[in-house]
C-alpha atoms as a PDB file:
ATOM      1  CA  MET A   1      82.046 124.547  82.261  1.00  0.00           C
ATOM      2  CA  ASP A   2      81.664 121.090  83.803  1.00  0.00           C
ATOM      3  CA  GLU A   3      82.056 121.379  87.573  1.00  0.00           C
ATOM      4  CA  GLN A   4      84.171 118.228  87.633  1.00  0.00           C
ATOM      5  CA  VAL A   5      86.682 119.747  85.214  1.00  0.00           C
ATOM      6  CA  MET A   6      87.691 122.491  87.657  1.00  0.00           C
ATOM      7  CA  LYS A   7      87.209 120.516  90.856  1.00  0.00           C
ATOM      8  CA  ILE A   8      89.596 121.696  93.571  1.00  0.00           C
ATOM      9  CA  SER A   9      92.005 118.892  94.402  1.00  0.00           C
ATOM     10  CA  SER A  10      95.657 117.989  94.189  1.00  0.00           C
ATOM     11  CA  SER A  11      97.234 118.464  90.769  1.00  0.00           C
ATOM     12  CA  PRO A  12      96.400 118.028  87.959  1.00  0.00           C
ATOM     13  CA  HIS A  13      93.649 120.596  88.443  1.00  0.00           C
ATOM     14  CA  ILE A  14      92.161 120.313  84.957  1.00  0.00           C
ATOM     15  CA  ARG A  15      91.092 116.776  84.094  1.00  0.00           C
ATOM     16  CA  ASP A  16      90.042 115.131  80.844  1.00  0.00           C
ATOM     17  CA  LYS A  17      87.458 112.367  80.596  1.00  0.00           C
ATOM     18  CA  GLU A  18      89.535 110.585  77.932  1.00  0.00           C
ATOM     19  CA  THR A  19      91.421 107.580  79.297  1.00  0.00           C
ATOM     20  CA  THR A  20      94.583 106.019  77.920  1.00  0.00           C
ATOM     21  CA  THR A  21      92.551 102.995  76.820  1.00  0.00           C
ATOM     22  CA  ASN A  22      90.051 105.181  74.942  1.00  0.00           C
ATOM     23  CA  ILE A  23      92.797 107.114  73.164  1.00  0.00           C
ATOM     24  CA  MET A  24      94.743 103.980  72.199  1.00  0.00           C
ATOM     25  CA  GLY A  25      91.542 102.322  71.027  1.00  0.00           C
ATOM     26  CA  LYS A  26      90.646 105.247  68.777  1.00  0.00           C
ATOM     27  CA  VAL A  27      94.130 105.253  67.244  1.00  0.00           C
ATOM     28  CA  ILE A  28      93.801 101.525  66.553  1.00  0.00           C
ATOM     29  CA  VAL A  29      90.433 102.136  64.872  1.00  0.00           C
ATOM     30  CA  ALA A  30      91.989 104.926  62.797  1.00  0.00           C
ATOM     31  CA  LEU A  31      94.725 102.537  61.641  1.00  0.00           C
ATOM     32  CA  CYS A  32      92.227  99.876  60.577  1.00  0.00           C
ATOM     33  CA  PRO A  33      91.654 101.155  56.993  1.00  0.00           C
ATOM     34  CA  ALA A  34      95.392 100.989  56.220  1.00  0.00           C
ATOM     35  CA  ALA A  35      95.851  97.748  58.167  1.00  0.00           C
ATOM     36  CA  ILE A  36      92.976  96.031  56.359  1.00  0.00           C
ATOM     37  CA  PHE A  37      94.218  97.308  53.019  1.00  0.00           C
ATOM     38  CA  GLY A  38      97.615  95.785  53.851  1.00  0.00           C
ATOM     39  CA  ILE A  39      95.967  92.374  54.212  1.00  0.00           C
ATOM     40  CA  TYR A  40      94.110  92.898  50.927  1.00  0.00           C
ATOM     41  CA  ASN A  41      97.310  94.027  49.205  1.00  0.00           C
ATOM     42  CA  PHE A  42      99.698  91.372  50.533  1.00  0.00           C
ATOM     43  CA  GLY A  43      97.461  88.467  51.535  1.00  0.00           C
ATOM     44  CA  LEU A  44      96.979  86.385  54.655  1.00  0.00           C
ATOM     45  CA  ARG A  45     100.690  86.425  55.464  1.00  0.00           C
ATOM     46  CA  ALA A  46     100.270  90.083  56.372  1.00  0.00           C
ATOM     47  CA  LEU A  47      97.503  89.088  58.808  1.00  0.00           C
ATOM     48  CA  LEU A  48      99.819  86.537  60.425  1.00  0.00           C
ATOM     49  CA  ILE A  49     102.502  89.188  60.886  1.00  0.00           C
ATOM     50  CA  TYR A  50      99.934  91.484  62.495  1.00  0.00           C
ATOM     51  CA  LEU A  51      98.878  88.753  64.919  1.00  0.00           C
ATOM     52  CA  ILE A  52     102.425  87.657  65.786  1.00  0.00           C
ATOM     53  CA  THR A  53     103.616  91.207  66.406  1.00  0.00           C
ATOM     54  CA  ILE A  54     100.628  92.327  68.478  1.00  0.00           C
ATOM     55  CA  ILE A  55     100.586  89.150  70.585  1.00  0.00           C
ATOM     56  CA  SER A  56     104.379  89.375  71.099  1.00  0.00           C
ATOM     57  CA  CYS A  57     104.200  93.001  72.250  1.00  0.00           C
ATOM     58  CA  VAL A  58     101.363  92.317  74.689  1.00  0.00           C
ATOM     59  CA  ALA A  59     103.064  89.166  76.012  1.00  0.00           C
ATOM     60  CA  PHE A  60     106.456  90.851  76.505  1.00  0.00           C
ATOM     61  CA  GLU A  61     104.862  93.752  78.378  1.00  0.00           C
ATOM     62  CA  ALA A  62     102.815  91.507  80.667  1.00  0.00           C
ATOM     63  CA  LEU A  63     105.757  89.166  81.319  1.00  0.00           C
ATOM     64  CA  PHE A  64     108.195  91.981  82.106  1.00  0.00           C
ATOM     65  CA  GLN A  65     105.761  93.720  84.445  1.00  0.00           C
ATOM     66  CA  LYS A  66     105.020  90.439  86.238  1.00  0.00           C
ATOM     67  CA  ILE A  67     108.736  89.651  86.663  1.00  0.00           C
ATOM     68  CA  ILE A  68     109.588  93.028  88.209  1.00  0.00           C
ATOM     69  CA  GLY A  69     106.400  93.115  90.293  1.00  0.00           C
ATOM     70  CA  LYS A  70     104.680  96.009  88.556  1.00  0.00           C
ATOM     71  CA  ARG A  71     100.962  96.214  87.883  1.00  0.00           C
ATOM     72  CA  ILE A  72     100.195  94.626  84.514  1.00  0.00           C
ATOM     73  CA  THR A  73      98.814  97.355  82.242  1.00  0.00           C
ATOM     74  CA  VAL A  74      98.243  95.607  78.921  1.00  0.00           C
ATOM     75  CA  LYS A  75      94.542  96.497  79.119  1.00  0.00           C
ATOM     76  CA  ASP A  76      95.451 100.110  78.280  1.00  0.00           C
ATOM     77  CA  LEU A  77      96.039  98.888  74.678  1.00  0.00           C
ATOM     78  CA  SER A  78      99.363 100.733  74.350  1.00  0.00           C
ATOM     79  CA  ALA A  79     101.297  97.494  73.784  1.00  0.00           C
ATOM     80  CA  ALA A  80      98.712  96.321  71.238  1.00  0.00           C
ATOM     81  CA  LEU A  81      99.008  99.655  69.406  1.00  0.00           C
ATOM     82  CA  THR A  82     102.804  99.375  69.380  1.00  0.00           C
ATOM     83  CA  GLY A  83     102.488  95.886  67.901  1.00  0.00           C
ATOM     84  CA  LEU A  84     100.086  97.084  65.215  1.00  0.00           C
ATOM     85  CA  LEU A  85     102.337 100.006  64.247  1.00  0.00           C
ATOM     86  CA  LEU A  86     105.433  97.815  64.188  1.00  0.00           C
ATOM     87  CA  ALA A  87     103.700  95.236  61.980  1.00  0.00           C
ATOM     88  CA  MET A  88     102.628  97.982  59.584  1.00  0.00           C
ATOM     89  CA  ASN A  89     106.306  98.947  59.282  1.00  0.00           C
ATOM     90  CA  LEU A  90     107.462  95.452  58.299  1.00  0.00           C
ATOM     91  CA  PRO A  91     107.777  93.972  54.796  1.00  0.00           C
ATOM     92  CA  PRO A  92     105.169  91.246  54.174  1.00  0.00           C
ATOM     93  CA  ASP A  93     107.755  88.529  53.548  1.00  0.00           C
ATOM     94  CA  VAL A  94     109.880  88.852  56.685  1.00  0.00           C
ATOM     95  CA  PRO A  95     110.527  85.609  58.595  1.00  0.00           C
ATOM     96  CA  PHE A  96     108.171  85.251  61.534  1.00  0.00           C
ATOM     97  CA  TRP A  97     110.981  85.588  64.080  1.00  0.00           C
ATOM     98  CA  ILE A  98     111.645  89.168  62.953  1.00  0.00           C
ATOM     99  CA  PRO A  99     108.385  90.535  64.444  1.00  0.00           C
ATOM    100  CA  VAL A 100     109.181  88.766  67.728  1.00  0.00           C
ATOM    101  CA  ILE A 101     112.647  90.342  67.974  1.00  0.00           C
ATOM    102  CA  GLY A 102     111.221  93.714  66.981  1.00  0.00           C
ATOM    103  CA  SER A 103     108.492  93.412  69.607  1.00  0.00           C
ATOM    104  CA  PHE A 104     111.056  92.601  72.301  1.00  0.00           C
ATOM    105  CA  PHE A 105     113.124  95.654  71.402  1.00  0.00           C
ATOM    106  CA  ALA A 106     110.089  97.955  71.214  1.00  0.00           C
ATOM    107  CA  ILE A 107     108.493  96.885  74.498  1.00  0.00           C
ATOM    108  CA  ILE A 108     111.420  95.897  76.710  1.00  0.00           C
ATOM    109  CA  VAL A 109     114.317  98.055  75.508  1.00  0.00           C
ATOM    110  CA  VAL A 110     112.602 101.243  74.344  1.00  0.00           C
ATOM    111  CA  LYS A 111     109.548 101.293  76.619  1.00  0.00           C
ATOM    112  CA  GLN A 112     109.799  99.266  79.834  1.00  0.00           C
ATOM    113  CA  LEU A 113     113.491  99.743  80.657  1.00  0.00           C
ATOM    114  CA  PHE A 114     112.866 103.488  80.659  1.00  0.00           C
ATOM    115  CA  GLY A 115     109.905 103.275  83.012  1.00  0.00           C
ATOM    116  CA  GLY A 116     106.967 102.191  80.857  1.00  0.00           C
ATOM    117  CA  LEU A 117     104.271 104.211  79.131  1.00  0.00           C
ATOM    118  CA  GLY A 118     104.964 107.929  79.328  1.00  0.00           C
ATOM    119  CA  GLN A 119     108.700 107.535  80.026  1.00  0.00           C
ATOM    120  CA  ASN A 120     110.050 106.240  76.709  1.00  0.00           C
ATOM    121  CA  PHE A 121     112.287 108.729  74.904  1.00  0.00           C
ATOM    122  CA  MET A 122     111.406 107.586  71.384  1.00  0.00           C
ATOM    123  CA  ASN A 123     108.469 105.958  69.631  1.00  0.00           C
ATOM    124  CA  PRO A 124     108.782 102.227  70.483  1.00  0.00           C
ATOM    125  CA  ALA A 125     107.557 100.944  67.113  1.00  0.00           C
ATOM    126  CA  LEU A 126     109.881 103.221  65.165  1.00  0.00           C
ATOM    127  CA  GLY A 127     112.778 102.453  67.465  1.00  0.00           C
ATOM    128  CA  ALA A 128     112.228  98.758  66.785  1.00  0.00           C
ATOM    129  CA  ARG A 129     111.957  99.313  63.046  1.00  0.00           C
ATOM    130  CA  CYS A 130     115.253 101.234  62.946  1.00  0.00           C
ATOM    131  CA  PHE A 131     116.887  98.530  65.069  1.00  0.00           C
ATOM    132  CA  LEU A 132     115.686  95.861  62.636  1.00  0.00           C
ATOM    133  CA  LEU A 133     116.793  97.909  59.620  1.00  0.00           C
ATOM    134  CA  ILE A 134     120.297  98.222  61.027  1.00  0.00           C
ATOM    135  CA  SER A 135     120.516  94.612  62.233  1.00  0.00           C
ATOM    136  CA  PHE A 136     118.792  92.815  59.334  1.00  0.00           C
ATOM    137  CA  THR A 137     119.120  95.219  56.408  1.00  0.00           C
ATOM    138  CA  GLY A 138     118.738  92.600  53.684  1.00  0.00           C
ATOM    139  CA  ILE A 139     115.539  91.142  55.165  1.00  0.00           C
ATOM    140  CA  MET A 140     113.993  94.530  55.975  1.00  0.00           C
ATOM    141  CA  THR A 141     114.623  95.967  52.510  1.00  0.00           C
ATOM    142  CA  ASN A 142     113.490  92.955  50.499  1.00  0.00           C
ATOM    143  CA  PHE A 143     110.086  93.680  48.960  1.00  0.00           C
ATOM    144  CA  THR A 144     107.976  91.221  46.979  1.00  0.00           C
ATOM    145  CA  TYR A 145     104.795  92.155  45.162  1.00  0.00           C
ATOM    146  CA  ASP A 146     102.662  89.729  43.143  1.00  0.00           C
ATOM    147  CA  ALA A 147     105.350  87.080  43.737  1.00  0.00           C
ATOM    148  CA  VAL A 148     107.996  89.291  42.113  1.00  0.00           C
ATOM    149  CA  THR A 149     110.893  90.818  44.053  1.00  0.00           C
ATOM    150  CA  THR A 150     110.999  94.460  43.105  1.00  0.00           C
ATOM    151  CA  ALA A 151     112.115  97.892  44.261  1.00  0.00           C
ATOM    152  CA  THR A 152     109.696 100.264  45.918  1.00  0.00           C
ATOM    153  CA  PRO A 153     108.371 103.190  43.862  1.00  0.00           C
ATOM    154  CA  LEU A 154     110.490 105.625  45.879  1.00  0.00           C
ATOM    155  CA  ALA A 155     113.615 103.614  45.079  1.00  0.00           C
ATOM    156  CA  ASN A 156     112.671 103.771  41.412  1.00  0.00           C
ATOM    157  CA  LEU A 157     112.016 107.493  41.711  1.00  0.00           C
ATOM    158  CA  LYS A 158     115.414 108.022  43.343  1.00  0.00           C
ATOM    159  CA  ALA A 159     117.015 106.089  40.472  1.00  0.00           C
ATOM    160  CA  GLY A 160     115.375 108.421  37.956  1.00  0.00           C
ATOM    161  CA  ASN A 161     112.676 106.012  36.780  1.00  0.00           C
ATOM    162  CA  SER A 162     109.024 106.877  36.271  1.00  0.00           C
ATOM    163  CA  VAL A 163     106.409 105.775  38.814  1.00  0.00           C
ATOM    164  CA  ASP A 164     102.622 105.389  38.895  1.00  0.00           C
ATOM    165  CA  VAL A 165     101.470 108.136  41.259  1.00  0.00           C
ATOM    166  CA  LEU A 166      97.858 106.915  41.419  1.00  0.00           C
ATOM    167  CA  SER A 167      98.971 103.421  42.448  1.00  0.00           C
ATOM    168  CA  MET A 168     101.188 104.968  45.126  1.00  0.00           C
ATOM    169  CA  PHE A 169      98.282 107.017  46.476  1.00  0.00           C
ATOM    170  CA  LEU A 170      95.875 104.064  46.527  1.00  0.00           C
ATOM    171  CA  GLY A 171      98.511 101.619  47.771  1.00  0.00           C
ATOM    172  CA  THR A 172      98.742  98.899  45.105  1.00  0.00           C
ATOM    173  CA  ILE A 173     102.534  98.942  45.255  1.00  0.00           C
ATOM    174  CA  PRO A 174     105.350  97.058  47.032  1.00  0.00           C
ATOM    175  CA  GLY A 175     106.372  98.324  50.462  1.00  0.00           C
ATOM    176  CA  THR A 176     105.814  97.624  54.115  1.00  0.00           C
ATOM    177  CA  ILE A 177     102.455  96.165  55.082  1.00  0.00           C
ATOM    178  CA  GLY A 178     100.721  99.271  56.366  1.00  0.00           C
ATOM    179  CA  GLU A 179     102.439 102.207  54.701  1.00  0.00           C
ATOM    180  CA  THR A 180     101.542 101.751  51.027  1.00  0.00           C
ATOM    181  CA  SER A 181      98.068 103.314  50.940  1.00  0.00           C
ATOM    182  CA  ALA A 182      98.368 107.062  51.488  1.00  0.00           C
ATOM    183  CA  PHE A 183      94.611 107.290  50.916  1.00  0.00           C
ATOM    184  CA  ALA A 184      93.723 104.913  53.765  1.00  0.00           C
ATOM    185  CA  LEU A 185      96.210 106.584  56.114  1.00  0.00           C
ATOM    186  CA  ILE A 186      94.838 110.055  55.369  1.00  0.00           C
ATOM    187  CA  ILE A 187      91.311 108.834  56.194  1.00  0.00           C
ATOM    188  CA  GLY A 188      92.545 107.497  59.537  1.00  0.00           C
ATOM    189  CA  GLY A 189      94.574 110.613  60.260  1.00  0.00           C
ATOM    190  CA  LEU A 190      91.666 112.961  59.578  1.00  0.00           C
ATOM    191  CA  PHE A 191      89.490 110.793  61.832  1.00  0.00           C
ATOM    192  CA  LEU A 192      91.897 111.389  64.717  1.00  0.00           C
ATOM    193  CA  ILE A 193      92.119 115.128  64.046  1.00  0.00           C
ATOM    194  CA  VAL A 194      88.322 115.489  63.954  1.00  0.00           C
ATOM    195  CA  LEU A 195      88.042 113.625  67.273  1.00  0.00           C
ATOM    196  CA  GLY A 196      90.719 115.852  68.791  1.00  0.00           C
ATOM    197  CA  ILE A 197      93.027 112.917  69.526  1.00  0.00           C
ATOM    198  CA  VAL A 198      95.740 114.316  67.256  1.00  0.00           C
ATOM    199  CA  ASN A 199      96.738 117.972  66.954  1.00  0.00           C
ATOM    200  CA  TYR A 200      96.754 119.016  63.299  1.00  0.00           C
ATOM    201  CA  ARG A 201      99.945 121.076  63.603  1.00  0.00           C
ATOM    202  CA  ILE A 202     102.503 118.269  63.481  1.00  0.00           C
ATOM    203  CA  PRO A 203     101.167 116.421  60.389  1.00  0.00           C
ATOM    204  CA  VAL A 204     100.318 119.661  58.535  1.00  0.00           C
ATOM    205  CA  TYR A 205     103.695 121.296  59.131  1.00  0.00           C
ATOM    206  CA  TYR A 206     105.544 118.013  58.587  1.00  0.00           C
ATOM    207  CA  ILE A 207     103.946 117.260  55.225  1.00  0.00           C
ATOM    208  CA  GLY A 208     103.822 120.947  54.246  1.00  0.00           C
ATOM    209  CA  SER A 209     107.486 121.703  54.958  1.00  0.00           C
ATOM    210  CA  PHE A 210     108.594 118.461  53.302  1.00  0.00           C
ATOM    211  CA  SER A 211     106.592 119.434  50.205  1.00  0.00           C
ATOM    212  CA  ILE A 212     108.194 122.888  50.092  1.00  0.00           C
ATOM    213  CA  PHE A 213     111.699 121.411  50.295  1.00  0.00           C
ATOM    214  CA  ILE A 214     110.889 118.922  47.526  1.00  0.00           C
ATOM    215  CA  ILE A 215     109.508 121.724  45.319  1.00  0.00           C
ATOM    216  CA  ILE A 216     112.632 123.846  45.866  1.00  0.00           C
ATOM    217  CA  TYR A 217     114.851 120.853  45.095  1.00  0.00           C
ATOM    218  CA  ALA A 218     112.906 120.026  41.934  1.00  0.00           C
ATOM    219  CA  ILE A 219     113.068 123.604  40.660  1.00  0.00           C
ATOM    220  CA  ALA A 220     116.780 123.951  41.511  1.00  0.00           C
ATOM    221  CA  GLY A 221     117.485 120.631  39.787  1.00  0.00           C
ATOM    222  CA  GLY A 222     115.841 121.720  36.536  1.00  0.00           C
ATOM    223  CA  ARG A 223     112.613 119.741  36.913  1.00  0.00           C
ATOM    224  CA  GLY A 224     110.530 122.833  37.373  1.00  0.00           C
ATOM    225  CA  LEU A 225     107.274 122.665  39.297  1.00  0.00           C
ATOM    226  CA  ASP A 226     106.797 118.927  38.733  1.00  0.00           C
ATOM    227  CA  ILE A 227     103.526 118.056  40.505  1.00  0.00           C
ATOM    228  CA  SER A 228     103.817 114.331  39.735  1.00  0.00           C
ATOM    229  CA  TYR A 229     107.268 114.242  41.335  1.00  0.00           C
ATOM    230  CA  LEU A 230     105.907 116.013  44.418  1.00  0.00           C
ATOM    231  CA  LEU A 231     102.841 113.770  44.733  1.00  0.00           C
ATOM    232  CA  ALA A 232     105.002 110.659  44.391  1.00  0.00           C
ATOM    233  CA  HIS A 233     107.176 111.768  47.298  1.00  0.00           C
ATOM    234  CA  ILE A 234     104.144 112.650  49.420  1.00  0.00           C
ATOM    235  CA  SER A 235     102.353 109.362  48.701  1.00  0.00           C
ATOM    236  CA  GLY A 236     105.306 107.039  49.210  1.00  0.00           C
ATOM    237  CA  GLY A 237     107.730 105.941  51.861  1.00  0.00           C
ATOM    238  CA  GLY A 238     105.435 105.909  54.854  1.00  0.00           C
ATOM    239  CA  LEU A 239     105.214 109.707  55.079  1.00  0.00           C
ATOM    240  CA  MET A 240     101.495 109.603  55.915  1.00  0.00           C
ATOM    241  CA  LEU A 241     101.936 106.806  58.463  1.00  0.00           C
ATOM    242  CA  GLY A 242     104.746 108.719  60.123  1.00  0.00           C
ATOM    243  CA  ALA A 243     103.113 112.151  60.001  1.00  0.00           C
ATOM    244  CA  PHE A 244      99.688 111.178  61.356  1.00  0.00           C
ATOM    245  CA  PHE A 245     100.404 108.212  63.626  1.00  0.00           C
ATOM    246  CA  MET A 246     104.027 108.290  64.810  1.00  0.00           C
ATOM    247  CA  ALA A 247     105.228 111.871  64.891  1.00  0.00           C
ATOM    248  CA  THR A 248     102.074 112.739  66.875  1.00  0.00           C
ATOM    249  CA  ASP A 249     102.795 110.262  69.676  1.00  0.00           C
ATOM    250  CA  TYR A 250     101.892 112.055  72.933  1.00  0.00           C
ATOM    251  CA  VAL A 251     104.960 110.889  74.835  1.00  0.00           C
ATOM    252  CA  THR A 252     107.623 111.704  72.238  1.00  0.00           C
ATOM    253  CA  SER A 253     106.295 114.918  70.670  1.00  0.00           C
ATOM    254  CA  PRO A 254     106.273 118.505  72.030  1.00  0.00           C
ATOM    255  CA  ILE A 255     103.388 119.639  74.219  1.00  0.00           C
ATOM    256  CA  THR A 256     103.333 123.302  73.152  1.00  0.00           C
ATOM    257  CA  ASN A 257     101.745 124.523  69.914  1.00  0.00           C
ATOM    258  CA  THR A 258     104.904 126.380  68.913  1.00  0.00           C
ATOM    259  CA  GLY A 259     106.932 123.291  69.699  1.00  0.00           C
ATOM    260  CA  LYS A 260     104.660 121.163  67.509  1.00  0.00           C
ATOM    261  CA  ILE A 261     105.230 123.543  64.579  1.00  0.00           C
ATOM    262  CA  ILE A 262     109.017 123.531  65.046  1.00  0.00           C
ATOM    263  CA  PHE A 263     108.961 119.757  65.414  1.00  0.00           C
ATOM    264  CA  GLY A 264     106.906 119.294  62.233  1.00  0.00           C
ATOM    265  CA  VAL A 265     109.142 121.574  60.144  1.00  0.00           C
ATOM    266  CA  PHE A 266     112.262 119.881  61.507  1.00  0.00           C
ATOM    267  CA  LEU A 267     110.888 116.447  60.567  1.00  0.00           C
ATOM    268  CA  GLY A 268     110.022 117.691  57.086  1.00  0.00           C
ATOM    269  CA  PHE A 269     113.554 118.986  56.607  1.00  0.00           C
ATOM    270  CA  LEU A 270     115.205 115.809  57.925  1.00  0.00           C
ATOM    271  CA  THR A 271     112.988 113.537  55.819  1.00  0.00           C
ATOM    272  CA  PHE A 272     113.868 115.603  52.742  1.00  0.00           C
ATOM    273  CA  LEU A 273     117.600 115.345  53.484  1.00  0.00           C
ATOM    274  CA  PHE A 274     117.542 111.598  54.148  1.00  0.00           C
ATOM    275  CA  ARG A 275     115.314 110.803  51.198  1.00  0.00           C
ATOM    276  CA  VAL A 276     116.974 112.972  48.548  1.00  0.00           C
ATOM    277  CA  PHE A 277     120.626 112.968  49.612  1.00  0.00           C
ATOM    278  CA  GLY A 278     120.876 109.879  51.830  1.00  0.00           C
ATOM    279  CA  GLY A 279     121.486 106.283  50.915  1.00  0.00           C
ATOM    280  CA  SER A 280     117.899 105.241  51.630  1.00  0.00           C
ATOM    281  CA  ALA A 281     114.858 106.138  49.544  1.00  0.00           C
ATOM    282  CA  GLU A 282     112.719 106.451  52.666  1.00  0.00           C
ATOM    283  CA  GLY A 283     113.892 108.594  55.601  1.00  0.00           C
ATOM    284  CA  VAL A 284     110.732 108.990  57.682  1.00  0.00           C
ATOM    285  CA  SER A 285     111.716 106.581  60.459  1.00  0.00           C
ATOM    286  CA  TYR A 286     115.147 108.055  61.109  1.00  0.00           C
ATOM    287  CA  ALA A 287     113.803 111.606  60.904  1.00  0.00           C
ATOM    288  CA  ILE A 288     111.191 110.964  63.601  1.00  0.00           C
ATOM    289  CA  ILE A 289     113.645 109.115  65.863  1.00  0.00           C
ATOM    290  CA  ILE A 290     116.118 112.012  65.718  1.00  0.00           C
ATOM    291  CA  GLY A 291     113.250 114.453  66.225  1.00  0.00           C
ATOM    292  CA  ASN A 292     112.150 112.513  69.329  1.00  0.00           C
ATOM    293  CA  LEU A 293     115.619 112.966  70.836  1.00  0.00           C
ATOM    294  CA  LEU A 294     115.407 116.737  70.394  1.00  0.00           C
ATOM    295  CA  VAL A 295     111.919 117.158  71.888  1.00  0.00           C
ATOM    296  CA  PRO A 296     113.239 118.111  75.385  1.00  0.00           C
ATOM    297  CA  LEU A 297     115.276 120.918  73.803  1.00  0.00           C
ATOM    298  CA  ILE A 298     112.317 122.105  71.711  1.00  0.00           C
ATOM    299  CA  GLU A 299     110.106 122.172  74.802  1.00  0.00           C
ATOM    300  CA  ARG A 300     112.736 124.006  76.797  1.00  0.00           C
ATOM    301  CA  VAL A 301     112.716 126.940  74.382  1.00  0.00           C
ATOM    302  CA  THR A 302     108.977 126.969  73.658  1.00  0.00           C
ATOM    303  CA  VAL A 303     107.343 126.509  77.079  1.00  0.00           C
ATOM    304  CA  PRO A 304     105.659 129.840  78.005  1.00  0.00           C
ATOM    305  CA  LYS A 305     107.252 131.810  80.818  1.00  0.00           C
ATOM    306  CA  SER A 306     105.369 131.998  84.104  1.00  0.00           C
ATOM    307  CA  PHE A 307     103.581 135.213  85.091  1.00  0.00           C
ATOM    308  CA  GLY A 308     105.157 137.445  87.724  1.00  0.00           C
ATOM    309  CA  LYS A 309     108.693 137.814  88.932  1.00  0.00           C
ATOM    310  CA  GLY A 310     110.772 135.657  91.187  1.00  0.00           C
ATOM    311  CA  ALA A 311     111.051 136.620  94.833  1.00  0.00           C
ATOM    312  CA  VAL A 312     114.201 138.382  95.957  1.00  0.00           C
ATOM    313  CA  LYS A 313     116.219 136.275  98.344  1.00  0.00           C
ATOM    314  CA  ARG A 314     116.944 138.181 101.532  1.00  0.00           C
ATOM    315  CA  GLU A 315     120.108 137.924 103.507  1.00  0.00           C
ATOM    316  CA  SER A 316     119.533 136.448 106.964  1.00  0.00           C
END
């Protein structure tokens, strides 16, 4: 074992050579296949939304930290990553002021007002997306593809219409900029798992439990074991973006292995409920936000007990 790893000093006693900047940078690299495909799929307007959102997030973080006299930490790339994730969760035709408002909410309201990186109680990008969905529903649910306003494949699936599963997997469909290509997102997600940046438990149990619930629902509803129906649900609605890149956020996900499993299954169940029985055809964003709020409880019941017994208090 590296002598530096177990160097005697004040806590933490076990140190990792990975820095926040390195981790954030690797996540950004992992998102590049899906981000680039979004530009290919939706055109240069998608690139503009990426730039506006990332620049806004970085600027809001630097400005807020300067105003309150804190050290400016934008070099850690966390604000840039939040901007990239938020942009990937936006429709390609949103007005350019929408990314700015979303960036303000993500960085100032969700992140900085709660103490900055490591203190936020929910994923900033997802918090901003849910805020925008509630505040500007019409804009955030208006999808145009090949100059035609159309419903997403999941909306068509929910309405009982047929969908092209292969197109959903590859990403040549309407949707938000970075969520359409399940294939590109899986490549990025596996990259992070191989590097050890992301623990496999959350995405595997999230996607796996969601799949089981969909299979049970399909069989109970008379569809039988409909593989196309299952693959359509897995490929659409940002499930891969949420499972690999948002549910695995270090700050807002459980730290224990058991907690990660419980968290993943809970997200799979919530996404199934919202998507199948709720008013929206998506469900991933709200599922993860609610899951984030329950992480302290999950950790409370899954953190291993300390060795030994407590000392007996003596009467003086």
